Amino acid sequence: MRSILLSLVFAAGLYILLVALAYSFQRSLLYFPDQHISSDEELASAGFKPIKIITQNSGKLTSLWRAPADPTKPIIIHFHGNGGSLAVRLPIYEAMAQDGAGVLAVGYPGYGGNPGSPSEEVFYEAAQANYDWLTASGHRPGRIVIVAQSLGTGVATWLASHNDAAGLILEAAYTGMDDMAQRQFPILPAKSLIKDRYRSIERIDQINMPLSWIHGTNDELIPFAMGQKLFDAATEPKIAHPVENGGHNDLWMRGVGALVRTDAQRFISSEK
């Protein structure tokens, strides 16, 4: 009996240690920033330029901007996923601008040489500051389309629930990062421990704009069913684009760029 009790105490101690480590290092498990920065030549070749966005908590952040070809084109404000940087996604931003759309690729705190450390709070602050830069530059909300991938969909949904825009396009969206954490770490009370929750499921019915949802049916990271749950909770008008056999990171190789461009143009064309 003594040995059994000692084993139970040891196992409980290990579990508590595991929980403590997961709680302490959770942001290292969620955010994977790359510090690579595009050269001036690379940006110029793609038609982009760096702009400085001032935030209170993270300081001066660098985002990438390409102006629209003319007033009939949408302006996409884009929020990327939890890994990499703006530099590694430059071909995606070029594809978004292919038909003349303006593109503001939002630089996150702690990514791509930007100051600060990643967190839900500072990502929301960066999102609002970039949106405010667009409107202060004379771009009407009716021409702005909010677009996001993966983790960025939580940031985009928050922004859309607090501001006007022509539409919201979510690629590989999730209900909440707490739900994702529990799925990734089922033996831990992850849902209760997570700091950065990004609870899109509690905001999606608060957006007052058309929604486009894009998700791979074979997404190995964010289940298609989770994205479907978020989409179902949204109000009309909305449209779903299931990408048959699409995974999490291959959607742009499966023609998603054309969907984004088409829906963004349709959203601003229907704006009254």
C-alpha atoms as a PDB file:
ATOM      1  CA  MET A   1       0.000   0.000   0.000  1.00  0.00           C
ATOM      2  CA  ARG A   2       2.847   2.378   0.836  1.00  0.00           C
ATOM      3  CA  SER A   3       4.486   1.837  -2.531  1.00  0.00           C
ATOM      4  CA  ILE A   4       1.171   2.423  -4.286  1.00  0.00           C
ATOM      5  CA  LEU A   5       0.653   5.680  -2.399  1.00  0.00           C
ATOM      6  CA  LEU A   6       4.199   6.801  -3.207  1.00  0.00           C
ATOM      7  CA  SER A   7       3.633   6.028  -6.867  1.00  0.00           C
ATOM      8  CA  LEU A   8       0.401   8.010  -6.878  1.00  0.00           C
ATOM      9  CA  VAL A   9       2.086  10.965  -5.172  1.00  0.00           C
ATOM     10  CA  PHE A  10       4.961  10.809  -7.668  1.00  0.00           C
ATOM     11  CA  ALA A  11       2.552  10.646 -10.631  1.00  0.00           C
ATOM     12  CA  ALA A  12       0.521  13.539  -9.232  1.00  0.00           C
ATOM     13  CA  GLY A  13       3.704  15.557  -8.770  1.00  0.00           C
ATOM     14  CA  LEU A  14       4.765  14.926 -12.361  1.00  0.00           C
ATOM     15  CA  TYR A  15       1.337  15.931 -13.618  1.00  0.00           C
ATOM     16  CA  ILE A  16       1.362  19.149 -11.610  1.00  0.00           C
ATOM     17  CA  LEU A  17       4.850  19.905 -12.941  1.00  0.00           C
ATOM     18  CA  LEU A  18       3.657  19.271 -16.489  1.00  0.00           C
ATOM     19  CA  VAL A  19       0.694  21.614 -15.978  1.00  0.00           C
ATOM     20  CA  ALA A  20       2.974  24.291 -14.514  1.00  0.00           C
ATOM     21  CA  LEU A  21       5.411  24.033 -17.415  1.00  0.00           C
ATOM     22  CA  ALA A  22       2.603  24.172 -19.974  1.00  0.00           C
ATOM     23  CA  TYR A  23       1.166  27.262 -18.323  1.00  0.00           C
ATOM     24  CA  SER A  24       4.533  29.018 -18.044  1.00  0.00           C
ATOM     25  CA  PHE A  25       5.690  28.332 -21.607  1.00  0.00           C
ATOM     26  CA  GLN A  26       2.338  28.343 -23.402  1.00  0.00           C
ATOM     27  CA  ARG A  27       3.127  31.335 -25.595  1.00  0.00           C
ATOM     28  CA  SER A  28       6.254  29.582 -26.847  1.00  0.00           C
ATOM     29  CA  LEU A  29       3.951  26.737 -27.913  1.00  0.00           C
ATOM     30  CA  LEU A  30       1.529  29.093 -29.666  1.00  0.00           C
ATOM     31  CA  TYR A  31       3.651  31.702 -31.443  1.00  0.00           C
ATOM     32  CA  PHE A  32       6.514  30.870 -33.824  1.00  0.00           C
ATOM     33  CA  PRO A  33       7.836  34.195 -35.141  1.00  0.00           C
ATOM     34  CA  ASP A  34      10.382  34.463 -37.924  1.00  0.00           C
ATOM     35  CA  GLN A  35      12.575  37.573 -37.869  1.00  0.00           C
ATOM     36  CA  HIS A  36      13.331  37.616 -41.600  1.00  0.00           C
ATOM     37  CA  ILE A  37      12.743  41.008 -43.268  1.00  0.00           C
ATOM     38  CA  SER A  38      12.299  41.560 -46.998  1.00  0.00           C
ATOM     39  CA  SER A  39      14.906  43.734 -48.664  1.00  0.00           C
ATOM     40  CA  ASP A  40      13.923  47.019 -50.273  1.00  0.00           C
ATOM     41  CA  GLU A  41      14.572  45.424 -53.653  1.00  0.00           C
ATOM     42  CA  GLU A  42      12.262  42.482 -52.913  1.00  0.00           C
ATOM     43  CA  LEU A  43       9.502  44.791 -51.757  1.00  0.00           C
ATOM     44  CA  ALA A  44       9.855  47.130 -54.710  1.00  0.00           C
ATOM     45  CA  SER A  45       9.759  44.198 -57.121  1.00  0.00           C
ATOM     46  CA  ALA A  46       6.484  43.055 -55.528  1.00  0.00           C
ATOM     47  CA  GLY A  47       5.052  46.583 -55.518  1.00  0.00           C
ATOM     48  CA  PHE A  48       5.029  46.930 -51.710  1.00  0.00           C
ATOM     49  CA  LYS A  49       6.590  49.379 -49.311  1.00  0.00           C
ATOM     50  CA  PRO A  50       7.092  49.219 -45.525  1.00  0.00           C
ATOM     51  CA  ILE A  51       5.015  51.550 -43.382  1.00  0.00           C
ATOM     52  CA  LYS A  52       5.300  52.336 -39.689  1.00  0.00           C
ATOM     53  CA  ILE A  53       2.294  51.810 -37.424  1.00  0.00           C
ATOM     54  CA  ILE A  54       2.503  53.281 -33.928  1.00  0.00           C
ATOM     55  CA  THR A  55       1.047  51.302 -31.020  1.00  0.00           C
ATOM     56  CA  GLN A  56       1.004  52.157 -27.348  1.00  0.00           C
ATOM     57  CA  ASN A  57       2.209  48.839 -25.934  1.00  0.00           C
ATOM     58  CA  SER A  58       4.535  47.522 -28.645  1.00  0.00           C
ATOM     59  CA  GLY A  59       5.966  50.701 -30.105  1.00  0.00           C
ATOM     60  CA  LYS A  60       6.470  51.276 -33.822  1.00  0.00           C
ATOM     61  CA  LEU A  61       5.530  48.255 -35.953  1.00  0.00           C
ATOM     62  CA  THR A  62       6.337  47.641 -39.612  1.00  0.00           C
ATOM     63  CA  SER A  63       3.538  46.524 -41.942  1.00  0.00           C
ATOM     64  CA  LEU A  64       3.611  46.203 -45.745  1.00  0.00           C
ATOM     65  CA  TRP A  65       1.450  48.341 -48.026  1.00  0.00           C
ATOM     66  CA  ARG A  66       0.529  48.276 -51.694  1.00  0.00           C
ATOM     67  CA  ALA A  67      -1.961  50.887 -52.867  1.00  0.00           C
ATOM     68  CA  PRO A  68      -4.991  49.854 -54.943  1.00  0.00           C
ATOM     69  CA  ALA A  69      -4.843  50.308 -58.690  1.00  0.00           C
ATOM     70  CA  ASP A  70      -7.947  52.525 -58.720  1.00  0.00           C
ATOM     71  CA  PRO A  71     -11.022  53.437 -56.624  1.00  0.00           C
ATOM     72  CA  THR A  72     -13.016  50.453 -57.915  1.00  0.00           C
ATOM     73  CA  LYS A  73     -10.703  47.952 -56.232  1.00  0.00           C
ATOM     74  CA  PRO A  74     -10.955  46.593 -52.676  1.00  0.00           C
ATOM     75  CA  ILE A  75      -8.400  47.198 -49.965  1.00  0.00           C
ATOM     76  CA  ILE A  76      -7.458  44.008 -48.150  1.00  0.00           C
ATOM     77  CA  ILE A  77      -6.146  44.191 -44.589  1.00  0.00           C
ATOM     78  CA  HIS A  78      -4.562  40.814 -43.910  1.00  0.00           C
ATOM     79  CA  PHE A  79      -3.690  38.905 -40.703  1.00  0.00           C
ATOM     80  CA  HIS A  80      -1.434  35.880 -41.058  1.00  0.00           C
ATOM     81  CA  GLY A  81      -1.061  32.763 -38.912  1.00  0.00           C
ATOM     82  CA  ASN A  82       1.078  32.025 -35.870  1.00  0.00           C
ATOM     83  CA  GLY A  83       4.331  31.220 -37.675  1.00  0.00           C
ATOM     84  CA  GLY A  84       6.728  32.944 -40.034  1.00  0.00           C
ATOM     85  CA  SER A  85       6.662  36.620 -40.942  1.00  0.00           C
ATOM     86  CA  LEU A  86       5.447  39.018 -43.612  1.00  0.00           C
ATOM     87  CA  ALA A  87       8.588  38.348 -45.656  1.00  0.00           C
ATOM     88  CA  VAL A  88       7.887  34.645 -46.201  1.00  0.00           C
ATOM     89  CA  ARG A  89       4.328  35.468 -47.322  1.00  0.00           C
ATOM     90  CA  LEU A  90       5.227  38.124 -49.879  1.00  0.00           C
ATOM     91  CA  PRO A  91       4.126  35.893 -52.822  1.00  0.00           C
ATOM     92  CA  ILE A  92       0.703  35.500 -51.175  1.00  0.00           C
ATOM     93  CA  TYR A  93       0.335  39.267 -50.833  1.00  0.00           C
ATOM     94  CA  GLU A  94       1.304  39.672 -54.484  1.00  0.00           C
ATOM     95  CA  ALA A  95      -1.411  37.174 -55.407  1.00  0.00           C
ATOM     96  CA  MET A  96      -3.977  39.139 -53.383  1.00  0.00           C
ATOM     97  CA  ALA A  97      -3.075  42.291 -55.303  1.00  0.00           C
ATOM     98  CA  GLN A  98      -3.052  40.543 -58.699  1.00  0.00           C
ATOM     99  CA  ASP A  99      -6.284  42.171 -59.897  1.00  0.00           C
ATOM    100  CA  GLY A 100      -5.390  45.611 -58.573  1.00  0.00           C
ATOM    101  CA  ALA A 101      -6.541  45.341 -54.953  1.00  0.00           C
ATOM    102  CA  GLY A 102      -4.770  47.331 -52.301  1.00  0.00           C
ATOM    103  CA  VAL A 103      -3.135  45.175 -49.620  1.00  0.00           C
ATOM    104  CA  LEU A 104      -2.095  46.067 -46.078  1.00  0.00           C
ATOM    105  CA  ALA A 105      -0.201  43.103 -44.617  1.00  0.00           C
ATOM    106  CA  VAL A 106      -0.247  43.593 -40.854  1.00  0.00           C
ATOM    107  CA  GLY A 107       3.040  43.192 -39.011  1.00  0.00           C
ATOM    108  CA  TYR A 108       2.677  41.582 -35.580  1.00  0.00           C
ATOM    109  CA  PRO A 109       4.600  42.533 -32.441  1.00  0.00           C
ATOM    110  CA  GLY A 110       7.614  40.247 -32.086  1.00  0.00           C
ATOM    111  CA  TYR A 111       7.536  39.133 -35.748  1.00  0.00           C
ATOM    112  CA  GLY A 112       9.702  40.194 -38.681  1.00  0.00           C
ATOM    113  CA  GLY A 113      11.978  42.420 -36.608  1.00  0.00           C
ATOM    114  CA  ASN A 114       9.105  44.232 -34.897  1.00  0.00           C
ATOM    115  CA  PRO A 115       9.441  45.174 -31.224  1.00  0.00           C
ATOM    116  CA  GLY A 116       7.279  43.646 -28.520  1.00  0.00           C
ATOM    117  CA  SER A 117       6.192  40.119 -27.633  1.00  0.00           C
ATOM    118  CA  PRO A 118       3.228  38.234 -29.116  1.00  0.00           C
ATOM    119  CA  SER A 119      -0.035  38.068 -27.175  1.00  0.00           C
ATOM    120  CA  GLU A 120      -3.746  38.350 -27.840  1.00  0.00           C
ATOM    121  CA  GLU A 121      -3.935  41.855 -26.377  1.00  0.00           C
ATOM    122  CA  VAL A 122      -1.100  43.328 -28.447  1.00  0.00           C
ATOM    123  CA  PHE A 123      -2.302  41.612 -31.629  1.00  0.00           C
ATOM    124  CA  TYR A 124      -5.698  43.274 -31.198  1.00  0.00           C
ATOM    125  CA  GLU A 125      -3.978  46.595 -30.590  1.00  0.00           C
ATOM    126  CA  ALA A 126      -1.897  46.171 -33.758  1.00  0.00           C
ATOM    127  CA  ALA A 127      -5.017  45.251 -35.740  1.00  0.00           C
ATOM    128  CA  GLN A 128      -6.853  48.377 -34.646  1.00  0.00           C
ATOM    129  CA  ALA A 129      -3.834  50.599 -35.275  1.00  0.00           C
ATOM    130  CA  ASN A 130      -3.450  49.266 -38.835  1.00  0.00           C
ATOM    131  CA  TYR A 131      -7.174  49.678 -39.531  1.00  0.00           C
ATOM    132  CA  ASP A 132      -6.999  53.233 -38.168  1.00  0.00           C
ATOM    133  CA  TRP A 133      -4.049  53.949 -40.463  1.00  0.00           C
ATOM    134  CA  LEU A 134      -6.160  52.929 -43.451  1.00  0.00           C
ATOM    135  CA  THR A 135      -9.114  55.124 -42.521  1.00  0.00           C
ATOM    136  CA  ALA A 136      -6.847  58.048 -41.584  1.00  0.00           C
ATOM    137  CA  SER A 137      -5.280  57.705 -45.049  1.00  0.00           C
ATOM    138  CA  GLY A 138      -8.687  58.340 -46.599  1.00  0.00           C
ATOM    139  CA  HIS A 139      -9.842  54.779 -47.325  1.00  0.00           C
ATOM    140  CA  ARG A 140     -13.523  54.291 -46.543  1.00  0.00           C
ATOM    141  CA  PRO A 141     -14.615  51.252 -44.490  1.00  0.00           C
ATOM    142  CA  GLY A 142     -16.868  50.313 -47.410  1.00  0.00           C
ATOM    143  CA  ARG A 143     -13.778  49.531 -49.481  1.00  0.00           C
ATOM    144  CA  ILE A 144     -11.917  47.626 -46.755  1.00  0.00           C
ATOM    145  CA  VAL A 145     -12.102  43.820 -46.680  1.00  0.00           C
ATOM    146  CA  ILE A 146     -10.702  42.036 -43.612  1.00  0.00           C
ATOM    147  CA  VAL A 147      -8.904  38.798 -44.559  1.00  0.00           C
ATOM    148  CA  ALA A 148      -7.090  36.308 -42.323  1.00  0.00           C
ATOM    149  CA  GLN A 149      -5.512  32.875 -42.068  1.00  0.00           C
ATOM    150  CA  SER A 150      -5.408  30.419 -39.161  1.00  0.00           C
ATOM    151  CA  LEU A 151      -4.522  32.173 -35.867  1.00  0.00           C
ATOM    152  CA  GLY A 152      -5.058  35.499 -37.615  1.00  0.00           C
ATOM    153  CA  THR A 153      -8.768  34.697 -38.024  1.00  0.00           C
ATOM    154  CA  GLY A 154      -9.210  35.315 -34.307  1.00  0.00           C
ATOM    155  CA  VAL A 155      -7.620  38.747 -34.678  1.00  0.00           C
ATOM    156  CA  ALA A 156      -9.691  39.512 -37.782  1.00  0.00           C
ATOM    157  CA  THR A 157     -12.971  38.474 -36.154  1.00  0.00           C
ATOM    158  CA  TRP A 158     -12.215  40.716 -33.185  1.00  0.00           C
ATOM    159  CA  LEU A 159     -11.480  43.633 -35.543  1.00  0.00           C
ATOM    160  CA  ALA A 160     -14.647  43.008 -37.555  1.00  0.00           C
ATOM    161  CA  SER A 161     -16.742  42.943 -34.387  1.00  0.00           C
ATOM    162  CA  HIS A 162     -15.459  46.407 -33.426  1.00  0.00           C
ATOM    163  CA  ASN A 163     -15.285  48.202 -36.793  1.00  0.00           C
ATOM    164  CA  ASP A 164     -17.073  48.623 -40.114  1.00  0.00           C
ATOM    165  CA  ALA A 165     -15.841  46.986 -43.315  1.00  0.00           C
ATOM    166  CA  ALA A 166     -17.191  45.676 -46.608  1.00  0.00           C
ATOM    167  CA  GLY A 167     -16.644  42.046 -45.637  1.00  0.00           C
ATOM    168  CA  LEU A 168     -14.719  39.434 -43.671  1.00  0.00           C
ATOM    169  CA  ILE A 169     -12.872  36.479 -45.259  1.00  0.00           C
ATOM    170  CA  LEU A 170     -11.665  33.749 -42.904  1.00  0.00           C
ATOM    171  CA  GLU A 171      -9.339  30.952 -44.033  1.00  0.00           C
ATOM    172  CA  ALA A 172      -8.965  27.939 -41.706  1.00  0.00           C
ATOM    173  CA  ALA A 173     -10.825  29.562 -38.828  1.00  0.00           C
ATOM    174  CA  TYR A 174     -11.315  28.136 -35.339  1.00  0.00           C
ATOM    175  CA  THR A 175     -13.889  28.683 -32.585  1.00  0.00           C
ATOM    176  CA  GLY A 176     -11.350  29.695 -29.956  1.00  0.00           C
ATOM    177  CA  MET A 177      -7.713  29.072 -29.156  1.00  0.00           C
ATOM    178  CA  ASP A 178      -8.806  27.524 -25.860  1.00  0.00           C
ATOM    179  CA  ASP A 179     -10.721  24.885 -27.844  1.00  0.00           C
ATOM    180  CA  MET A 180      -7.646  24.317 -29.994  1.00  0.00           C
ATOM    181  CA  ALA A 181      -5.395  23.984 -26.948  1.00  0.00           C
ATOM    182  CA  GLN A 182      -7.665  21.390 -25.383  1.00  0.00           C
ATOM    183  CA  ARG A 183      -7.633  19.444 -28.642  1.00  0.00           C
ATOM    184  CA  GLN A 184      -3.838  19.541 -28.841  1.00  0.00           C
ATOM    185  CA  PHE A 185      -3.262  18.676 -25.165  1.00  0.00           C
ATOM    186  CA  PRO A 186      -6.199  16.488 -24.112  1.00  0.00           C
ATOM    187  CA  ILE A 187      -4.569  15.205 -20.891  1.00  0.00           C
ATOM    188  CA  LEU A 188      -4.172  18.750 -19.548  1.00  0.00           C
ATOM    189  CA  PRO A 189      -6.808  21.275 -18.384  1.00  0.00           C
ATOM    190  CA  ALA A 190      -5.611  23.397 -21.314  1.00  0.00           C
ATOM    191  CA  LYS A 191      -8.889  25.196 -21.852  1.00  0.00           C
ATOM    192  CA  SER A 192      -8.706  26.652 -18.353  1.00  0.00           C
ATOM    193  CA  LEU A 193      -5.002  27.455 -18.452  1.00  0.00           C
ATOM    194  CA  ILE A 194      -4.677  29.299 -21.752  1.00  0.00           C
ATOM    195  CA  LYS A 195      -4.036  33.053 -21.610  1.00  0.00           C
ATOM    196  CA  ASP A 196      -4.670  33.993 -25.260  1.00  0.00           C
ATOM    197  CA  ARG A 197      -8.143  32.655 -25.993  1.00  0.00           C
ATOM    198  CA  TYR A 198      -9.187  34.405 -29.236  1.00  0.00           C
ATOM    199  CA  ARG A 199     -12.843  33.445 -28.681  1.00  0.00           C
ATOM    200  CA  SER A 200     -14.187  34.022 -32.187  1.00  0.00           C
ATOM    201  CA  ILE A 201     -17.259  31.896 -31.449  1.00  0.00           C
ATOM    202  CA  GLU A 202     -18.395  34.596 -29.004  1.00  0.00           C
ATOM    203  CA  ARG A 203     -17.933  37.400 -31.572  1.00  0.00           C
ATOM    204  CA  ILE A 204     -18.867  35.972 -34.957  1.00  0.00           C
ATOM    205  CA  ASP A 205     -22.559  36.840 -34.569  1.00  0.00           C
ATOM    206  CA  GLN A 206     -21.614  40.430 -33.753  1.00  0.00           C
ATOM    207  CA  ILE A 207     -20.092  41.233 -37.128  1.00  0.00           C
ATOM    208  CA  ASN A 208     -22.217  43.458 -39.337  1.00  0.00           C
ATOM    209  CA  MET A 209     -20.812  42.539 -42.741  1.00  0.00           C
ATOM    210  CA  PRO A 210     -20.818  39.654 -45.245  1.00  0.00           C
ATOM    211  CA  LEU A 211     -18.695  36.632 -44.333  1.00  0.00           C
ATOM    212  CA  SER A 212     -16.725  34.266 -46.569  1.00  0.00           C
ATOM    213  CA  TRP A 213     -15.336  31.096 -44.966  1.00  0.00           C
ATOM    214  CA  ILE A 214     -12.626  28.989 -46.652  1.00  0.00           C
ATOM    215  CA  HIS A 215     -11.469  25.705 -45.128  1.00  0.00           C
ATOM    216  CA  GLY A 216      -9.751  22.549 -46.305  1.00  0.00           C
ATOM    217  CA  THR A 217     -11.833  19.441 -45.723  1.00  0.00           C
ATOM    218  CA  ASN A 218      -8.673  17.546 -44.672  1.00  0.00           C
ATOM    219  CA  ASP A 219      -7.196  20.266 -42.475  1.00  0.00           C
ATOM    220  CA  GLU A 220      -4.896  18.375 -40.125  1.00  0.00           C
ATOM    221  CA  LEU A 221      -4.499  21.207 -37.615  1.00  0.00           C
ATOM    222  CA  ILE A 222      -7.835  23.021 -37.355  1.00  0.00           C
ATOM    223  CA  PRO A 223     -10.648  20.526 -37.998  1.00  0.00           C
ATOM    224  CA  PHE A 224     -13.078  21.366 -40.773  1.00  0.00           C
ATOM    225  CA  ALA A 225     -15.897  20.694 -38.293  1.00  0.00           C
ATOM    226  CA  MET A 226     -14.588  23.423 -35.984  1.00  0.00           C
ATOM    227  CA  GLY A 227     -14.572  25.950 -38.817  1.00  0.00           C
ATOM    228  CA  GLN A 228     -18.067  24.799 -39.764  1.00  0.00           C
ATOM    229  CA  LYS A 229     -19.267  25.421 -36.211  1.00  0.00           C
ATOM    230  CA  LEU A 230     -17.972  28.987 -36.371  1.00  0.00           C
ATOM    231  CA  PHE A 231     -19.541  29.548 -39.784  1.00  0.00           C
ATOM    232  CA  ASP A 232     -22.898  28.182 -38.610  1.00  0.00           C
ATOM    233  CA  ALA A 233     -22.900  30.649 -35.700  1.00  0.00           C
ATOM    234  CA  ALA A 234     -22.433  33.648 -38.021  1.00  0.00           C
ATOM    235  CA  THR A 235     -25.359  35.699 -39.278  1.00  0.00           C
ATOM    236  CA  GLU A 236     -26.277  36.134 -42.934  1.00  0.00           C
ATOM    237  CA  PRO A 237     -25.081  37.034 -45.485  1.00  0.00           C
ATOM    238  CA  LYS A 238     -22.399  34.386 -45.564  1.00  0.00           C
ATOM    239  CA  ILE A 239     -20.871  31.924 -48.001  1.00  0.00           C
ATOM    240  CA  ALA A 240     -18.813  28.763 -47.433  1.00  0.00           C
ATOM    241  CA  HIS A 241     -15.962  27.527 -49.650  1.00  0.00           C
ATOM    242  CA  PRO A 242     -14.966  23.995 -48.607  1.00  0.00           C
ATOM    243  CA  VAL A 243     -11.719  23.074 -50.351  1.00  0.00           C
ATOM    244  CA  GLU A 244     -11.950  19.360 -51.102  1.00  0.00           C
ATOM    245  CA  ASN A 245      -8.912  17.423 -49.793  1.00  0.00           C
ATOM    246  CA  GLY A 246      -7.288  20.704 -48.766  1.00  0.00           C
ATOM    247  CA  GLY A 247      -4.997  20.693 -45.742  1.00  0.00           C
ATOM    248  CA  HIS A 248      -3.944  23.526 -43.489  1.00  0.00           C
ATOM    249  CA  ASN A 249      -0.965  24.936 -45.369  1.00  0.00           C
ATOM    250  CA  ASP A 250      -1.672  24.068 -49.000  1.00  0.00           C
ATOM    251  CA  LEU A 251      -4.819  26.065 -49.736  1.00  0.00           C
ATOM    252  CA  TRP A 252      -3.056  28.779 -51.742  1.00  0.00           C
ATOM    253  CA  MET A 253      -1.708  26.054 -54.029  1.00  0.00           C
ATOM    254  CA  ARG A 254      -5.323  24.946 -54.537  1.00  0.00           C
ATOM    255  CA  GLY A 255      -6.666  28.218 -55.927  1.00  0.00           C
ATOM    256  CA  VAL A 256      -7.695  30.035 -52.758  1.00  0.00           C
ATOM    257  CA  GLY A 257      -6.175  33.254 -54.085  1.00  0.00           C
ATOM    258  CA  ALA A 258      -8.871  33.480 -56.746  1.00  0.00           C
ATOM    259  CA  LEU A 259     -11.597  32.952 -54.112  1.00  0.00           C
ATOM    260  CA  VAL A 260     -10.194  35.734 -51.943  1.00  0.00           C
ATOM    261  CA  ARG A 261      -9.913  38.170 -54.867  1.00  0.00           C
ATOM    262  CA  THR A 262     -13.395  37.347 -56.168  1.00  0.00           C
ATOM    263  CA  ASP A 263     -15.135  37.643 -52.800  1.00  0.00           C
ATOM    264  CA  ALA A 264     -13.270  40.828 -51.866  1.00  0.00           C
ATOM    265  CA  GLN A 265     -14.342  42.475 -55.128  1.00  0.00           C
ATOM    266  CA  ARG A 266     -17.924  41.238 -54.695  1.00  0.00           C
ATOM    267  CA  PHE A 267     -18.100  42.594 -51.154  1.00  0.00           C
ATOM    268  CA  ILE A 268     -17.144  46.128 -52.132  1.00  0.00           C
ATOM    269  CA  SER A 269     -19.374  46.011 -55.227  1.00  0.00           C
ATOM    270  CA  SER A 270     -22.412  45.161 -53.067  1.00  0.00           C
ATOM    271  CA  GLU A 271     -21.556  47.797 -50.430  1.00  0.00           C
ATOM    272  CA  LYS A 272     -24.152  50.543 -50.294  1.00  0.00           C
END
